[in-house]
Amino acid sequence: MPITKITRDRNQANLPQDLERYCQYALEQGADEAQVVDASKIPVEDAVAFKCRVPRCFGYNNCAQCPPHAPKPAEIRQLLKSYTHGVLFVSRVDSKLLKRDRNDKKRKAAFRAILEIVSKLESAAFYDGHYLAVGFSAGSCFSSLCDPKLGCQVLNGENCRFALKARPSMEAVGMNVYNLIASSGWEVYPFGSNADPEDIPVANLAGLVLIQ
């Protein structure tokens, strides 16, 4: 992997072409859609993070990257002021897959693939000199990466076994993913536990990497 010298302006001269390259890279890594978004227009709402608690998500208080341990929406709103752009991507999955048990191997693999893309994009941006790039994924990294029988090692006072891949989900920090996907011109449908997969034409898993 080539490593770019860091400049005082954090390599802003290369940013436009770098952003387009990251979108292409996301597609090469398995995403179905990718585009550059304005960081100032990423919607962050307290109500989104609250939905992790009511109705209570299985990841709530079971993962260091999930509420109440994840960064609060107010922190993210402040954080976004330091960033100019984001690379947003979605992967389309069979809606039947999302109805399976969360320990189903294929379901876990679908969410893990989003974490992989986020990790690779974040790493690419870092070595291009955009060293404050930070990523957000889909779902709980605990259910995607860890053995449920062992629990989240971080909450047990130990080091994360997947520190370079584990990331909070966009929803966990209050990002309104449905709104962001719809605003990007892509199809998105509400998907809940009572949904019939036959009624969901498109199911998306999304990831985002913020870049200054």
C-alpha atoms as a PDB file:
ATOM      1  CA  MET A   1       0.000   0.000   0.000  1.00  0.00           C
ATOM      2  CA  PRO A   2       1.515   3.370  -1.017  1.00  0.00           C
ATOM      3  CA  ILE A   3       1.836   5.885   1.813  1.00  0.00           C
ATOM      4  CA  THR A   4       1.373   9.586   1.044  1.00  0.00           C
ATOM      5  CA  LYS A   5       3.360  12.320   2.748  1.00  0.00           C
ATOM      6  CA  ILE A   6       1.188  14.434   5.032  1.00  0.00           C
ATOM      7  CA  THR A   7       0.945  18.133   4.168  1.00  0.00           C
ATOM      8  CA  ARG A   8       0.029  21.052   6.427  1.00  0.00           C
ATOM      9  CA  ASP A   9      -3.392  21.317   4.797  1.00  0.00           C
ATOM     10  CA  ARG A  10      -4.014  17.593   5.380  1.00  0.00           C
ATOM     11  CA  ASN A  11      -3.708  16.764   1.702  1.00  0.00           C
ATOM     12  CA  GLN A  12      -6.708  18.870   0.684  1.00  0.00           C
ATOM     13  CA  ALA A  13      -5.383  19.239  -2.869  1.00  0.00           C
ATOM     14  CA  ASN A  14      -5.902  15.523  -3.434  1.00  0.00           C
ATOM     15  CA  LEU A  15      -9.229  15.270  -1.634  1.00  0.00           C
ATOM     16  CA  PRO A  16     -11.665  15.473  -4.600  1.00  0.00           C
ATOM     17  CA  GLN A  17     -10.014  12.668  -6.548  1.00  0.00           C
ATOM     18  CA  ASP A  18      -9.387  10.683  -3.369  1.00  0.00           C
ATOM     19  CA  LEU A  19     -13.081  10.775  -2.477  1.00  0.00           C
ATOM     20  CA  GLU A  20     -14.068   9.489  -5.898  1.00  0.00           C
ATOM     21  CA  ARG A  21     -11.433   6.791  -5.624  1.00  0.00           C
ATOM     22  CA  TYR A  22     -12.814   5.689  -2.254  1.00  0.00           C
ATOM     23  CA  CYS A  23     -16.280   5.371  -3.759  1.00  0.00           C
ATOM     24  CA  GLN A  24     -14.879   3.164  -6.498  1.00  0.00           C
ATOM     25  CA  TYR A  25     -12.922   1.177  -3.925  1.00  0.00           C
ATOM     26  CA  ALA A  26     -16.098   0.545  -1.922  1.00  0.00           C
ATOM     27  CA  LEU A  27     -17.752  -0.849  -5.045  1.00  0.00           C
ATOM     28  CA  GLU A  28     -14.739  -3.047  -5.738  1.00  0.00           C
ATOM     29  CA  GLN A  29     -14.972  -4.398  -2.196  1.00  0.00           C
ATOM     30  CA  GLY A  30     -18.587  -5.462  -2.643  1.00  0.00           C
ATOM     31  CA  ALA A  31     -20.794  -2.405  -2.081  1.00  0.00           C
ATOM     32  CA  ASP A  32     -23.651  -1.901  -4.543  1.00  0.00           C
ATOM     33  CA  GLU A  33     -23.780   1.892  -4.344  1.00  0.00           C
ATOM     34  CA  ALA A  34     -21.369   4.535  -3.083  1.00  0.00           C
ATOM     35  CA  GLN A  35     -21.283   8.310  -3.171  1.00  0.00           C
ATOM     36  CA  VAL A  36     -19.697  11.327  -1.530  1.00  0.00           C
ATOM     37  CA  VAL A  37     -21.918  13.170   0.951  1.00  0.00           C
ATOM     38  CA  ASP A  38     -21.613  16.578   2.585  1.00  0.00           C
ATOM     39  CA  ALA A  39     -20.732  15.967   6.236  1.00  0.00           C
ATOM     40  CA  SER A  40     -22.731  19.019   7.332  1.00  0.00           C
ATOM     41  CA  LYS A  41     -25.904  17.456   5.904  1.00  0.00           C
ATOM     42  CA  ILE A  42     -25.663  14.119   7.698  1.00  0.00           C
ATOM     43  CA  PRO A  43     -28.771  14.055   9.933  1.00  0.00           C
ATOM     44  CA  VAL A  44     -28.076  13.196  13.575  1.00  0.00           C
ATOM     45  CA  GLU A  45     -31.051  12.873  15.906  1.00  0.00           C
ATOM     46  CA  ASP A  46     -31.394  11.878  19.552  1.00  0.00           C
ATOM     47  CA  ALA A  47     -34.527   9.908  18.647  1.00  0.00           C
ATOM     48  CA  VAL A  48     -32.522   7.544  16.426  1.00  0.00           C
ATOM     49  CA  ALA A  49     -30.174   6.517  19.237  1.00  0.00           C
ATOM     50  CA  PHE A  50     -33.144   6.311  21.616  1.00  0.00           C
ATOM     51  CA  LYS A  51     -34.652   3.637  19.360  1.00  0.00           C
ATOM     52  CA  CYS A  52     -31.776   1.383  20.464  1.00  0.00           C
ATOM     53  CA  ARG A  53     -33.329   1.476  23.930  1.00  0.00           C
ATOM     54  CA  VAL A  54     -37.042   1.510  23.075  1.00  0.00           C
ATOM     55  CA  PRO A  55     -37.878  -1.082  21.915  1.00  0.00           C
ATOM     56  CA  ARG A  56     -34.692  -2.455  23.470  1.00  0.00           C
ATOM     57  CA  CYS A  57     -32.185  -3.777  20.930  1.00  0.00           C
ATOM     58  CA  PHE A  58     -30.255  -6.943  21.766  1.00  0.00           C
ATOM     59  CA  GLY A  59     -27.022  -4.958  21.478  1.00  0.00           C
ATOM     60  CA  TYR A  60     -28.027  -2.329  24.029  1.00  0.00           C
ATOM     61  CA  ASN A  61     -25.544  -2.399  26.925  1.00  0.00           C
ATOM     62  CA  ASN A  62     -23.999  -5.595  25.542  1.00  0.00           C
ATOM     63  CA  CYS A  63     -21.360  -3.974  23.330  1.00  0.00           C
ATOM     64  CA  ALA A  64     -18.862  -1.165  23.854  1.00  0.00           C
ATOM     65  CA  GLN A  65     -19.820   0.282  20.448  1.00  0.00           C
ATOM     66  CA  CYS A  66     -23.570   0.273  21.183  1.00  0.00           C
ATOM     67  CA  PRO A  67     -25.627   2.592  23.413  1.00  0.00           C
ATOM     68  CA  PRO A  68     -25.293   3.546  26.195  1.00  0.00           C
ATOM     69  CA  HIS A  69     -21.525   3.209  25.625  1.00  0.00           C
ATOM     70  CA  ALA A  70     -21.366   4.542  22.046  1.00  0.00           C
ATOM     71  CA  PRO A  71     -20.701   8.259  21.429  1.00  0.00           C
ATOM     72  CA  LYS A  72     -23.820  10.321  22.091  1.00  0.00           C
ATOM     73  CA  PRO A  73     -25.629  12.163  19.265  1.00  0.00           C
ATOM     74  CA  ALA A  74     -24.514  15.505  20.732  1.00  0.00           C
ATOM     75  CA  GLU A  75     -20.884  14.380  20.448  1.00  0.00           C
ATOM     76  CA  ILE A  76     -21.420  13.325  16.840  1.00  0.00           C
ATOM     77  CA  ARG A  77     -23.088  16.618  15.912  1.00  0.00           C
ATOM     78  CA  GLN A  78     -20.032  18.397  17.289  1.00  0.00           C
ATOM     79  CA  LEU A  79     -17.666  15.932  15.601  1.00  0.00           C
ATOM     80  CA  LEU A  80     -19.255  16.492  12.194  1.00  0.00           C
ATOM     81  CA  LYS A  81     -18.226  20.154  12.358  1.00  0.00           C
ATOM     82  CA  SER A  82     -14.627  18.957  11.979  1.00  0.00           C
ATOM     83  CA  TYR A  83     -15.321  16.994   8.795  1.00  0.00           C
ATOM     84  CA  THR A  84     -16.135  18.131   5.278  1.00  0.00           C
ATOM     85  CA  HIS A  85     -17.181  14.935   3.523  1.00  0.00           C
ATOM     86  CA  GLY A  86     -18.200  11.359   3.991  1.00  0.00           C
ATOM     87  CA  VAL A  87     -18.135   8.308   1.757  1.00  0.00           C
ATOM     88  CA  LEU A  88     -21.510   6.613   2.102  1.00  0.00           C
ATOM     89  CA  PHE A  89     -22.099   3.155   0.688  1.00  0.00           C
ATOM     90  CA  VAL A  90     -24.801   0.498   0.774  1.00  0.00           C
ATOM     91  CA  SER A  91     -24.840  -3.202   0.114  1.00  0.00           C
ATOM     92  CA  ARG A  92     -28.123  -4.764  -0.913  1.00  0.00           C
ATOM     93  CA  VAL A  93     -28.959  -8.037   0.781  1.00  0.00           C
ATOM     94  CA  ASP A  94     -31.783 -10.538   0.536  1.00  0.00           C
ATOM     95  CA  SER A  95     -34.474  -9.307   2.922  1.00  0.00           C
ATOM     96  CA  LYS A  96     -35.014 -12.898   4.063  1.00  0.00           C
ATOM     97  CA  LEU A  97     -31.459 -12.870   5.397  1.00  0.00           C
ATOM     98  CA  LEU A  98     -32.232 -10.091   7.866  1.00  0.00           C
ATOM     99  CA  LYS A  99     -35.103 -12.109   9.326  1.00  0.00           C
ATOM    100  CA  ARG A 100     -32.810 -14.963  10.281  1.00  0.00           C
ATOM    101  CA  ASP A 101     -31.441 -15.540  13.766  1.00  0.00           C
ATOM    102  CA  ARG A 102     -28.664 -13.030  14.451  1.00  0.00           C
ATOM    103  CA  ASN A 103     -26.255 -15.917  14.977  1.00  0.00           C
ATOM    104  CA  ASP A 104     -26.963 -17.285  11.500  1.00  0.00           C
ATOM    105  CA  LYS A 105     -23.635 -17.532   9.668  1.00  0.00           C
ATOM    106  CA  LYS A 106     -24.821 -15.883   6.454  1.00  0.00           C
ATOM    107  CA  ARG A 107     -26.473 -13.034   8.348  1.00  0.00           C
ATOM    108  CA  LYS A 108     -23.335 -12.415  10.408  1.00  0.00           C
ATOM    109  CA  ALA A 109     -21.238 -12.520   7.230  1.00  0.00           C
ATOM    110  CA  ALA A 110     -23.399  -9.827   5.585  1.00  0.00           C
ATOM    111  CA  PHE A 111     -22.903  -7.424   8.492  1.00  0.00           C
ATOM    112  CA  ARG A 112     -19.244  -8.360   8.838  1.00  0.00           C
ATOM    113  CA  ALA A 113     -18.726  -7.456   5.170  1.00  0.00           C
ATOM    114  CA  ILE A 114     -19.837  -3.883   5.932  1.00  0.00           C
ATOM    115  CA  LEU A 115     -17.313  -3.666   8.764  1.00  0.00           C
ATOM    116  CA  GLU A 116     -14.631  -4.938   6.390  1.00  0.00           C
ATOM    117  CA  ILE A 117     -15.386  -2.271   3.782  1.00  0.00           C
ATOM    118  CA  VAL A 118     -15.464   0.479   6.409  1.00  0.00           C
ATOM    119  CA  SER A 119     -12.134  -0.706   7.804  1.00  0.00           C
ATOM    120  CA  LYS A 120     -10.502  -0.797   4.371  1.00  0.00           C
ATOM    121  CA  LEU A 121     -11.807   2.635   3.361  1.00  0.00           C
ATOM    122  CA  GLU A 122     -10.709   4.158   6.645  1.00  0.00           C
ATOM    123  CA  SER A 123      -7.264   2.618   6.270  1.00  0.00           C
ATOM    124  CA  ALA A 124      -6.915   3.800   2.663  1.00  0.00           C
ATOM    125  CA  ALA A 125      -7.816   7.361   3.657  1.00  0.00           C
ATOM    126  CA  PHE A 126      -5.396   7.250   6.590  1.00  0.00           C
ATOM    127  CA  TYR A 127      -2.451   6.273   4.400  1.00  0.00           C
ATOM    128  CA  ASP A 128      -3.437   8.896   1.826  1.00  0.00           C
ATOM    129  CA  GLY A 129      -2.781  11.509   4.503  1.00  0.00           C
ATOM    130  CA  HIS A 130      -6.400  11.938   5.642  1.00  0.00           C
ATOM    131  CA  TYR A 131      -5.303  10.604   8.994  1.00  0.00           C
ATOM    132  CA  LEU A 132      -8.431  11.561  10.965  1.00  0.00           C
ATOM    133  CA  ALA A 133     -10.779   9.478   8.818  1.00  0.00           C
ATOM    134  CA  VAL A 134     -13.287   7.633  10.989  1.00  0.00           C
ATOM    135  CA  GLY A 135     -15.839   4.986  10.082  1.00  0.00           C
ATOM    136  CA  PHE A 136     -19.300   3.832  11.116  1.00  0.00           C
ATOM    137  CA  SER A 137     -20.889   0.548  10.189  1.00  0.00           C
ATOM    138  CA  ALA A 138     -24.214  -1.320  10.285  1.00  0.00           C
ATOM    139  CA  GLY A 139     -25.543  -3.290  13.220  1.00  0.00           C
ATOM    140  CA  SER A 140     -23.711  -4.341  16.353  1.00  0.00           C
ATOM    141  CA  CYS A 141     -20.078  -5.331  15.883  1.00  0.00           C
ATOM    142  CA  PHE A 142     -20.611  -7.679  18.838  1.00  0.00           C
ATOM    143  CA  SER A 143     -23.030  -9.860  16.884  1.00  0.00           C
ATOM    144  CA  SER A 144     -20.990  -9.585  13.667  1.00  0.00           C
ATOM    145  CA  LEU A 145     -17.506 -10.299  15.006  1.00  0.00           C
ATOM    146  CA  CYS A 146     -17.653 -11.796  18.478  1.00  0.00           C
ATOM    147  CA  ASP A 147     -18.633 -15.076  20.058  1.00  0.00           C
ATOM    148  CA  PRO A 148     -21.813 -14.277  22.044  1.00  0.00           C
ATOM    149  CA  LYS A 149     -20.796 -16.812  24.670  1.00  0.00           C
ATOM    150  CA  LEU A 150     -17.702 -14.760  25.520  1.00  0.00           C
ATOM    151  CA  GLY A 151     -19.425 -11.383  25.657  1.00  0.00           C
ATOM    152  CA  CYS A 152     -17.863  -8.034  24.765  1.00  0.00           C
ATOM    153  CA  GLN A 153     -14.312  -8.135  26.088  1.00  0.00           C
ATOM    154  CA  VAL A 154     -14.167  -4.330  26.404  1.00  0.00           C
ATOM    155  CA  LEU A 155     -17.135  -4.296  28.780  1.00  0.00           C
ATOM    156  CA  ASN A 156     -15.315  -6.974  30.752  1.00  0.00           C
ATOM    157  CA  GLY A 157     -12.332  -4.638  31.153  1.00  0.00           C
ATOM    158  CA  GLU A 158     -10.195  -6.318  28.495  1.00  0.00           C
ATOM    159  CA  ASN A 159      -8.892  -5.266  25.081  1.00  0.00           C
ATOM    160  CA  CYS A 160     -11.146  -5.527  22.038  1.00  0.00           C
ATOM    161  CA  ARG A 161     -10.273  -8.577  19.963  1.00  0.00           C
ATOM    162  CA  PHE A 162     -11.176  -6.704  16.763  1.00  0.00           C
ATOM    163  CA  ALA A 163     -10.003  -3.164  17.511  1.00  0.00           C
ATOM    164  CA  LEU A 164      -9.203  -2.349  13.869  1.00  0.00           C
ATOM    165  CA  LYS A 165     -12.615  -3.532  12.652  1.00  0.00           C
ATOM    166  CA  ALA A 166     -15.081  -2.899  15.475  1.00  0.00           C
ATOM    167  CA  ARG A 167     -16.985   0.338  14.870  1.00  0.00           C
ATOM    168  CA  PRO A 168     -20.258   1.803  16.120  1.00  0.00           C
ATOM    169  CA  SER A 169     -23.187   1.576  13.789  1.00  0.00           C
ATOM    170  CA  MET A 170     -24.468   4.765  12.218  1.00  0.00           C
ATOM    171  CA  GLU A 171     -27.750   4.367  14.117  1.00  0.00           C
ATOM    172  CA  ALA A 172     -25.991   3.808  17.454  1.00  0.00           C
ATOM    173  CA  VAL A 173     -24.610   7.359  17.368  1.00  0.00           C
ATOM    174  CA  GLY A 174     -27.869   8.912  16.153  1.00  0.00           C
ATOM    175  CA  MET A 175     -27.351   9.129  12.391  1.00  0.00           C
ATOM    176  CA  ASN A 176     -30.677   8.897  10.575  1.00  0.00           C
ATOM    177  CA  VAL A 177     -29.670   6.242   8.066  1.00  0.00           C
ATOM    178  CA  TYR A 178     -33.078   5.916   6.418  1.00  0.00           C
ATOM    179  CA  ASN A 179     -33.129   9.651   5.732  1.00  0.00           C
ATOM    180  CA  LEU A 180     -29.529   9.677   4.527  1.00  0.00           C
ATOM    181  CA  ILE A 181     -30.078   6.782   2.111  1.00  0.00           C
ATOM    182  CA  ALA A 182     -33.308   8.289   0.772  1.00  0.00           C
ATOM    183  CA  SER A 183     -31.613  11.684   0.352  1.00  0.00           C
ATOM    184  CA  SER A 184     -28.890   9.960  -1.660  1.00  0.00           C
ATOM    185  CA  GLY A 185     -31.504   8.801  -4.168  1.00  0.00           C
ATOM    186  CA  TRP A 186     -31.426   5.127  -3.231  1.00  0.00           C
ATOM    187  CA  GLU A 187     -34.375   2.909  -2.371  1.00  0.00           C
ATOM    188  CA  VAL A 188     -34.934   2.165   1.302  1.00  0.00           C
ATOM    189  CA  TYR A 189     -37.790   0.560   3.234  1.00  0.00           C
ATOM    190  CA  PRO A 190     -38.497   0.258   6.965  1.00  0.00           C
ATOM    191  CA  PHE A 191     -37.539  -3.208   8.125  1.00  0.00           C
ATOM    192  CA  GLY A 192     -38.757  -4.407  11.513  1.00  0.00           C
ATOM    193  CA  SER A 193     -39.174  -7.711  13.299  1.00  0.00           C
ATOM    194  CA  ASN A 194     -42.770  -8.035  12.091  1.00  0.00           C
ATOM    195  CA  ALA A 195     -41.981  -7.280   8.445  1.00  0.00           C
ATOM    196  CA  ASP A 196     -42.673  -9.889   5.803  1.00  0.00           C
ATOM    197  CA  PRO A 197     -39.537 -10.135   3.632  1.00  0.00           C
ATOM    198  CA  GLU A 198     -41.778 -10.575   0.600  1.00  0.00           C
ATOM    199  CA  ASP A 199     -42.996  -7.000   1.132  1.00  0.00           C
ATOM    200  CA  ILE A 200     -39.464  -5.555   1.146  1.00  0.00           C
ATOM    201  CA  PRO A 201     -38.165  -5.115  -2.437  1.00  0.00           C
ATOM    202  CA  VAL A 202     -34.767  -3.869  -1.279  1.00  0.00           C
ATOM    203  CA  ALA A 203     -32.911  -4.367   2.006  1.00  0.00           C
ATOM    204  CA  ASN A 204     -29.807  -2.258   2.566  1.00  0.00           C
ATOM    205  CA  LEU A 205     -26.871  -2.358   4.942  1.00  0.00           C
ATOM    206  CA  ALA A 206     -24.971   0.935   5.039  1.00  0.00           C
ATOM    207  CA  GLY A 207     -21.551   2.171   6.054  1.00  0.00           C
ATOM    208  CA  LEU A 208     -19.948   5.600   6.248  1.00  0.00           C
ATOM    209  CA  VAL A 209     -16.406   6.944   6.490  1.00  0.00           C
ATOM    210  CA  LEU A 210     -15.943  10.597   7.457  1.00  0.00           C
ATOM    211  CA  ILE A 211     -12.997  12.459   5.948  1.00  0.00           C
ATOM    212  CA  GLN A 212     -11.696  15.960   6.663  1.00  0.00           C
END
